[in-house]
Every structure is written in C-alpha cells, then in structure tokens.
Amino acid sequence: MEIKFLDRSFFQRLFGTPATSKPGTPDCWTYADGKLTVNLKKAPELKKIGGALRFEGGDLPERVLVVFGKDKTYRAYKNRCTHIGHRRLDPVPGTDTVQCCSVNKSTYDQNGKKIYGPAPKPVTPYPTAVKGNRLVVTIS
C-alpha cells in the first residue's frame, strides 16, 4: 500500500495544527450515556466523501474524529495519535487512512492499525450507527 501524506507546512506539523475543523454548527452534537450523537442535518461537513469533523470539549470524555469514507460509511476514532505529544488525527484525502497532524506523520488504516511512522500502538476506533438523520458513536 502506498502511503500518502497530508499537504501540511512544516510549521503546521511542528505546532500540531489539525486540518480537520470542529463543526460549523456547534449544536449539531450531544454527548450522553457513553454516546456521541451527531445531527447529520446540521453537519454538512459529513455529507461528502472524505468529509470529517473533530468533536471535543463539553462533557465529551475523549476527543473524537468522525470521517465519511469512500464506501459511504462513517468511521470514528479516538482523536489522539499514540506517538509522543498525543496530537490530533486528520483524514488523508483520496485514501481510507488517517494521519497524525505532527511532523512524524504516523498513519493508520481505516481500522486504526498503524501502517506508517513511529507511533507505538494503533488508534482506537469507535463503533458507529446511523439512525435516521443521526450518527451515533459509542465511546463507552
């Protein structure tokens, strides 16, 4: 498998600036009882293939990255690279991989398995389910 890298400047990688944004509509998600629920009608970023959002803050116990894959399924990950610094992840356009926003470029497949870089462990994938216009990500 050929590994592709995000087009990021040295300074973006040095400071760990993620390419993936938070939702443009902050009230598009809630967290309760171990589940992150995203109102897909209010999250247009997740409607196109390769679209992604990062969820963090509030009562959410972990940062979460959600990606809409080439196979038109949603994948969610604990948004924390397992390498030093614990930087955020971003999807790599045109692939089914996610990559650390840092200089080391640790890259993971769609199941969270490391396929490139110095990260010592896989990233944690979370189960997802679509229920009507809602995406439910089970965190615990």
C-alpha atoms as a PDB file:
ATOM      1  CA  MET A   1       0.000   0.000   0.000  1.00  0.00           C
ATOM      2  CA  GLU A   2       1.365   3.398  -0.980  1.00  0.00           C
ATOM      3  CA  ILE A   3       1.243   5.868   1.896  1.00  0.00           C
ATOM      4  CA  LYS A   4       0.054   9.369   1.035  1.00  0.00           C
ATOM      5  CA  PHE A   5       0.692  12.364   3.223  1.00  0.00           C
ATOM      6  CA  LEU A   6      -1.409  15.403   4.009  1.00  0.00           C
ATOM      7  CA  ASP A   7      -0.180  18.589   2.370  1.00  0.00           C
ATOM      8  CA  ARG A   8       0.832  20.479   5.512  1.00  0.00           C
ATOM      9  CA  SER A   9       3.530  23.078   6.099  1.00  0.00           C
ATOM     10  CA  PHE A  10       6.423  22.374   8.434  1.00  0.00           C
ATOM     11  CA  PHE A  11       5.031  24.869  10.951  1.00  0.00           C
ATOM     12  CA  GLN A  12       1.533  23.352  10.860  1.00  0.00           C
ATOM     13  CA  ARG A  13       3.113  19.984  11.649  1.00  0.00           C
ATOM     14  CA  LEU A  14       5.539  21.383  14.229  1.00  0.00           C
ATOM     15  CA  PHE A  15       2.725  23.035  16.193  1.00  0.00           C
ATOM     16  CA  GLY A  16       0.310  20.136  15.587  1.00  0.00           C
ATOM     17  CA  THR A  17      -2.357  22.238  13.918  1.00  0.00           C
ATOM     18  CA  PRO A  18      -5.101  19.850  12.733  1.00  0.00           C
ATOM     19  CA  ALA A  19      -6.550  20.228   9.231  1.00  0.00           C
ATOM     20  CA  THR A  20      -9.942  18.939  10.359  1.00  0.00           C
ATOM     21  CA  SER A  21     -12.279  21.559  11.769  1.00  0.00           C
ATOM     22  CA  LYS A  22     -14.770  21.475  14.581  1.00  0.00           C
ATOM     23  CA  PRO A  23     -18.420  21.592  13.475  1.00  0.00           C
ATOM     24  CA  GLY A  24     -19.546  24.855  11.898  1.00  0.00           C
ATOM     25  CA  THR A  25     -22.799  24.399  13.808  1.00  0.00           C
ATOM     26  CA  PRO A  26     -21.715  23.770  17.409  1.00  0.00           C
ATOM     27  CA  ASP A  27     -25.151  22.498  18.482  1.00  0.00           C
ATOM     28  CA  CYS A  28     -25.076  19.640  15.926  1.00  0.00           C
ATOM     29  CA  TRP A  29     -23.900  17.166  18.570  1.00  0.00           C
ATOM     30  CA  THR A  30     -24.620  15.966  22.075  1.00  0.00           C
ATOM     31  CA  TYR A  31     -22.993  13.512  24.438  1.00  0.00           C
ATOM     32  CA  ALA A  32     -24.831  11.372  26.978  1.00  0.00           C
ATOM     33  CA  ASP A  33     -24.607   7.850  28.378  1.00  0.00           C
ATOM     34  CA  GLY A  34     -21.381   6.991  26.539  1.00  0.00           C
ATOM     35  CA  LYS A  35     -22.718   8.064  23.139  1.00  0.00           C
ATOM     36  CA  LEU A  36     -21.812  10.973  20.882  1.00  0.00           C
ATOM     37  CA  THR A  37     -24.867  11.779  18.763  1.00  0.00           C
ATOM     38  CA  VAL A  38     -24.455  13.946  15.667  1.00  0.00           C
ATOM     39  CA  ASN A  39     -27.420  15.506  13.904  1.00  0.00           C
ATOM     40  CA  LEU A  40     -26.342  14.907  10.283  1.00  0.00           C
ATOM     41  CA  LYS A  41     -28.755  17.581   9.011  1.00  0.00           C
ATOM     42  CA  LYS A  42     -26.709  20.145  10.954  1.00  0.00           C
ATOM     43  CA  ALA A  43     -23.310  18.703   9.987  1.00  0.00           C
ATOM     44  CA  PRO A  44     -22.893  19.319   6.228  1.00  0.00           C
ATOM     45  CA  GLU A  45     -19.162  18.606   6.550  1.00  0.00           C
ATOM     46  CA  LEU A  46     -20.056  14.908   6.912  1.00  0.00           C
ATOM     47  CA  LYS A  47     -22.173  14.688   3.738  1.00  0.00           C
ATOM     48  CA  LYS A  48     -19.370  14.468   1.163  1.00  0.00           C
ATOM     49  CA  ILE A  49     -16.947  11.581   0.727  1.00  0.00           C
ATOM     50  CA  GLY A  50     -13.826  12.276   2.764  1.00  0.00           C
ATOM     51  CA  GLY A  51     -15.606  14.844   4.909  1.00  0.00           C
ATOM     52  CA  ALA A  52     -14.619  14.906   8.548  1.00  0.00           C
ATOM     53  CA  LEU A  53     -15.204  16.713  11.821  1.00  0.00           C
ATOM     54  CA  ARG A  54     -13.466  16.744  15.158  1.00  0.00           C
ATOM     55  CA  PHE A  55     -15.538  16.774  18.317  1.00  0.00           C
ATOM     56  CA  GLU A  56     -14.095  17.893  21.627  1.00  0.00           C
ATOM     57  CA  GLY A  57     -14.998  19.779  24.765  1.00  0.00           C
ATOM     58  CA  GLY A  58     -18.195  19.909  26.743  1.00  0.00           C
ATOM     59  CA  ASP A  59     -18.905  16.664  28.576  1.00  0.00           C
ATOM     60  CA  LEU A  60     -17.176  14.569  25.907  1.00  0.00           C
ATOM     61  CA  PRO A  61     -14.577  12.439  27.762  1.00  0.00           C
ATOM     62  CA  GLU A  62     -12.352  11.972  24.688  1.00  0.00           C
ATOM     63  CA  ARG A  63     -11.642  13.926  21.523  1.00  0.00           C
ATOM     64  CA  VAL A  64     -13.353  12.158  18.598  1.00  0.00           C
ATOM     65  CA  LEU A  65     -12.661  12.289  14.849  1.00  0.00           C
ATOM     66  CA  VAL A  66     -15.534  11.287  12.534  1.00  0.00           C
ATOM     67  CA  VAL A  67     -14.867  10.594   8.833  1.00  0.00           C
ATOM     68  CA  PHE A  68     -17.299   9.825   5.992  1.00  0.00           C
ATOM     69  CA  GLY A  69     -15.421   7.188   3.977  1.00  0.00           C
ATOM     70  CA  LYS A  70     -15.205   6.312   0.291  1.00  0.00           C
ATOM     71  CA  ASP A  71     -17.535   3.373   0.981  1.00  0.00           C
ATOM     72  CA  LYS A  72     -20.159   5.846   2.293  1.00  0.00           C
ATOM     73  CA  THR A  73     -19.855   4.649   5.888  1.00  0.00           C
ATOM     74  CA  TYR A  74     -18.927   6.664   8.927  1.00  0.00           C
ATOM     75  CA  ARG A  75     -15.854   5.840  10.957  1.00  0.00           C
ATOM     76  CA  ALA A  76     -14.936   7.332  14.298  1.00  0.00           C
ATOM     77  CA  TYR A  77     -11.648   7.315  16.182  1.00  0.00           C
ATOM     78  CA  LYS A  78     -10.271   8.479  19.474  1.00  0.00           C
ATOM     79  CA  ASN A  79      -8.658  11.645  18.144  1.00  0.00           C
ATOM     80  CA  ARG A  80      -5.253  11.141  19.691  1.00  0.00           C
ATOM     81  CA  CYS A  81      -2.133   9.867  17.950  1.00  0.00           C
ATOM     82  CA  THR A  82      -0.353   7.264  20.071  1.00  0.00           C
ATOM     83  CA  HIS A  83       3.055   8.851  19.475  1.00  0.00           C
ATOM     84  CA  ILE A  84       4.729  11.407  21.729  1.00  0.00           C
ATOM     85  CA  GLY A  85       2.627  14.534  22.197  1.00  0.00           C
ATOM     86  CA  HIS A  86      -0.676  12.818  21.535  1.00  0.00           C
ATOM     87  CA  ARG A  87      -1.559  15.087  18.607  1.00  0.00           C
ATOM     88  CA  ARG A  88      -4.838  15.013  16.698  1.00  0.00           C
ATOM     89  CA  LEU A  89      -5.594  12.993  13.565  1.00  0.00           C
ATOM     90  CA  ASP A  90      -6.806  14.065  10.133  1.00  0.00           C
ATOM     91  CA  PRO A  91      -8.160  12.003   7.215  1.00  0.00           C
ATOM     92  CA  VAL A  92      -5.875  11.815   4.177  1.00  0.00           C
ATOM     93  CA  PRO A  93      -7.901  12.843   1.081  1.00  0.00           C
ATOM     94  CA  GLY A  94      -8.414  10.110  -1.517  1.00  0.00           C
ATOM     95  CA  THR A  95      -7.483   7.330   0.914  1.00  0.00           C
ATOM     96  CA  ASP A  96      -9.060   5.361   3.731  1.00  0.00           C
ATOM     97  CA  THR A  97      -6.364   6.463   6.167  1.00  0.00           C
ATOM     98  CA  VAL A  98      -5.981   8.954   8.979  1.00  0.00           C
ATOM     99  CA  GLN A  99      -2.712  10.651   9.842  1.00  0.00           C
ATOM    100  CA  CYS A 100      -1.156  12.458  12.785  1.00  0.00           C
ATOM    101  CA  CYS A 101      -1.034  16.219  12.300  1.00  0.00           C
ATOM    102  CA  SER A 102       2.528  16.243  13.656  1.00  0.00           C
ATOM    103  CA  VAL A 103       5.932  16.080  11.959  1.00  0.00           C
ATOM    104  CA  ASN A 104       6.212  12.289  12.361  1.00  0.00           C
ATOM    105  CA  LYS A 105       3.205  11.606  10.050  1.00  0.00           C
ATOM    106  CA  SER A 106       2.132   8.382  11.776  1.00  0.00           C
ATOM    107  CA  THR A 107      -0.585   6.951   9.547  1.00  0.00           C
ATOM    108  CA  TYR A 108      -3.349   4.477  10.375  1.00  0.00           C
ATOM    109  CA  ASP A 109      -5.688   2.390   8.225  1.00  0.00           C
ATOM    110  CA  GLN A 110      -9.482   2.591   8.485  1.00  0.00           C
ATOM    111  CA  ASN A 111      -9.447   0.101  11.364  1.00  0.00           C
ATOM    112  CA  GLY A 112      -6.952   2.141  13.389  1.00  0.00           C
ATOM    113  CA  LYS A 113      -3.910  -0.074  12.696  1.00  0.00           C
ATOM    114  CA  LYS A 114      -0.628   1.804  12.289  1.00  0.00           C
ATOM    115  CA  ILE A 115       0.746   1.476   8.750  1.00  0.00           C
ATOM    116  CA  TYR A 116       3.464   4.151   8.831  1.00  0.00           C
ATOM    117  CA  GLY A 117       5.511   6.155  11.301  1.00  0.00           C
ATOM    118  CA  PRO A 118       6.844   5.860  14.839  1.00  0.00           C
ATOM    119  CA  ALA A 119       3.546   5.557  16.751  1.00  0.00           C
ATOM    120  CA  PRO A 120       3.830   2.512  19.053  1.00  0.00           C
ATOM    121  CA  LYS A 121       0.139   1.497  19.083  1.00  0.00           C
ATOM    122  CA  PRO A 122      -2.987   1.595  16.929  1.00  0.00           C
ATOM    123  CA  VAL A 123      -5.588   4.317  17.437  1.00  0.00           C
ATOM    124  CA  THR A 124      -8.899   3.397  18.999  1.00  0.00           C
ATOM    125  CA  PRO A 125     -11.806   3.082  16.562  1.00  0.00           C
ATOM    126  CA  TYR A 126     -15.327   3.581  17.918  1.00  0.00           C
ATOM    127  CA  PRO A 127     -18.468   1.792  16.680  1.00  0.00           C
ATOM    128  CA  THR A 128     -20.876   3.935  14.656  1.00  0.00           C
ATOM    129  CA  ALA A 129     -24.514   3.556  13.661  1.00  0.00           C
ATOM    130  CA  VAL A 130     -26.815   5.749  11.597  1.00  0.00           C
ATOM    131  CA  LYS A 131     -30.327   6.080  12.990  1.00  0.00           C
ATOM    132  CA  GLY A 132     -32.430   8.263  10.724  1.00  0.00           C
ATOM    133  CA  ASN A 133     -30.644  11.606  10.468  1.00  0.00           C
ATOM    134  CA  ARG A 134     -28.454  10.876  13.472  1.00  0.00           C
ATOM    135  CA  LEU A 135     -24.999   9.353  13.695  1.00  0.00           C
ATOM    136  CA  VAL A 136     -24.367   7.593  16.988  1.00  0.00           C
ATOM    137  CA  VAL A 137     -20.781   6.956  18.055  1.00  0.00           C
ATOM    138  CA  THR A 138     -20.406   4.632  21.031  1.00  0.00           C
ATOM    139  CA  ILE A 139     -17.489   5.748  23.169  1.00  0.00           C
ATOM    140  CA  SER A 140     -18.069   3.661  26.271  1.00  0.00           C
END
